[in-house]
Amino acid sequence: MKTSSSTPRPPERWAHFRFSIIGPLLAAPPARGQLQARLQELAAQQWQHPLTGAGVHFGLSTLERWYYQALGAQAGPVDALRRKIRSDHGQHPSLTPRLIQLLTQQHQQHPSWSYQLHADNLAVLVAQQPQAGPMPSYATLWRYMKSHGLCKRARRGPVHSPGAQAAEHRYQTREVRSYESEYVNGLWHLDFHHGSRRVLLPDGQWVYPILLGILDDHSRLCCHLQWYLAEGARELCHGLSQAFQKRDLPRSLLFDNGSAMIATETQAGLTRLGIVFENTLPYSPYQNGKQEAFWGQVEGRLLPMLEGVADLSLDQLNDASQPWVELEYNRKVHAELQGQTPLQRFLAHKHVAQRCPSAQTLQHAFTTEVRRVQRRSDGTLTLEGIRFEVPSRFGHLRELWLRYASWDLSTVHLADPKTGALLSRIYPLDKRKNAEGHRAPRTPAAAPPPPSAPTGMAPLLQELIRQYATTGLPPAYLPDTPHPPSAV
């Protein structure tokens, strides 16, 4: 029999039912010698069963026992009429300690097994170890496992992965609690989601697009939403820069351990912008649960409204996603926000955002920094298999530091090795143009003085001559006196 959440539990319903029968006798006690007659009248009546609703009669002795229980109760008649809990409640006498040990070990090794699979494998162990005790029924095993938390749950990663084993141990030994950042823009979440609806590309291929979603933790506002064909660092930095330009810079970011999130360009860019970033623990998606709940909105509302579009393209999907997220999701009352919409909470509550810099600054921030050695012969260096020309004013440097994004080699800058400041942009080597023979004048770092002819003896040699003369020694050589020419 299904009951609502406000319906009392069965023990309480039995207590209330019994008190409704005996209560009138307590409110108006019968005269001396009239109790049996009153109880016989109650026994002759038909009552409605408190649980099933069927008609039921109670014997005189039963009603008499209820009467005296309620009459002599110290804590109250209703509590006295409550059904007693069995003395073996919560115990499982058919399960021996050895059987419990085998079942617990089996669940620790195979938490993803069903209850029936555990029962079947335990039966084999009991057959192999008769001393463990008789095999209990499936219902007994099921009740014991449910009451002791031995429930079926999905594995957290590969069975033999150390990271998955650590995640499983952490989940079992640490509590999982919901959390929320105190301020707007205090914490953002981001993740990629593989969509369930295919799009048609211009080259005639059908592909499943990938959605990048960025949410503010405090307000649940979607800061930016965009579909891509890949989930690399280029797409992440492209979408993240747009979110910054729309909502300003957050103080911290939380994302998983995907390749795009741990890329050097991503982490270096967030560090340069003053944003603290944290990765969720491996195989622990519940830490980014708000993001996972948002995907349900996308799959449940946005994509079903595009079912009638036969040849959906990526541009159409993005064109439809922006109005949906701005005019429906961000403006719809959220169940977790006490009657507010994400947009209302984002605008009304205190924020700790940083001002967003220019688009060029964002582009330069999401870059990696590497060291390269310059070829002095022609003033070039090699980066990602491409040779770049170094301006002549940096020709005296042997080691150069470069800032660039791996997906955009058209924009490469020389950087100061100490401060990281951008010094100059460099361009790929153009051999065809250089073959024309035009050469620009050199612009060295410091202009040298005009060359002049040497004058006199060098100072060091003059000093050596002076020191040698002070010793008083004669010259250590014999001058070669030329002989006069002989007479004819």
Foldseek 3Di string as FASTA:
>chain_A
DDDDPPDDDPLLLQLVVLCVLQVVCVVPPDDPPCPLVSLVVQQPDWDQDSPPRDTDGDDSVVNVVLNVQQVPDDVHSSVSRGDDDDPCPPHQVQQDPLLVVVLVVVLVLPLQDALVVSLVVSVVVCVVPVVRHDRDDSVSSVVNCVVVVSHHDDQLDDSPDPLSVVVVVCPVPDDDDDDADPAWLQEKEKDKDFDPDWAADPVGDTATWIKIWMATRHLRATLFIATDRDDALVVVLVGVLSSCVRQNHGQEYEYADDRNCPDQLNVQLCVVVNHHYDHDRRSCCVVVVSVVVVVCCCRVPVVVVCPPPDRHHRVNSRVSVVCCSVVPQQQDQDPPPVRGGSVVCNVPTHHDGDGRDDPVSSQQRSWHKDKWFADLVQQWTDDPRFIWHDALQCSVDGMWMKTDHPVDPQWIFTADPPPRHTDGTIGTDDVVVVVVPDDDDHDHVDDDDDDDDDDDDDPVVVVVVVVVVVVVDDDPDDDDDDDDDDDD
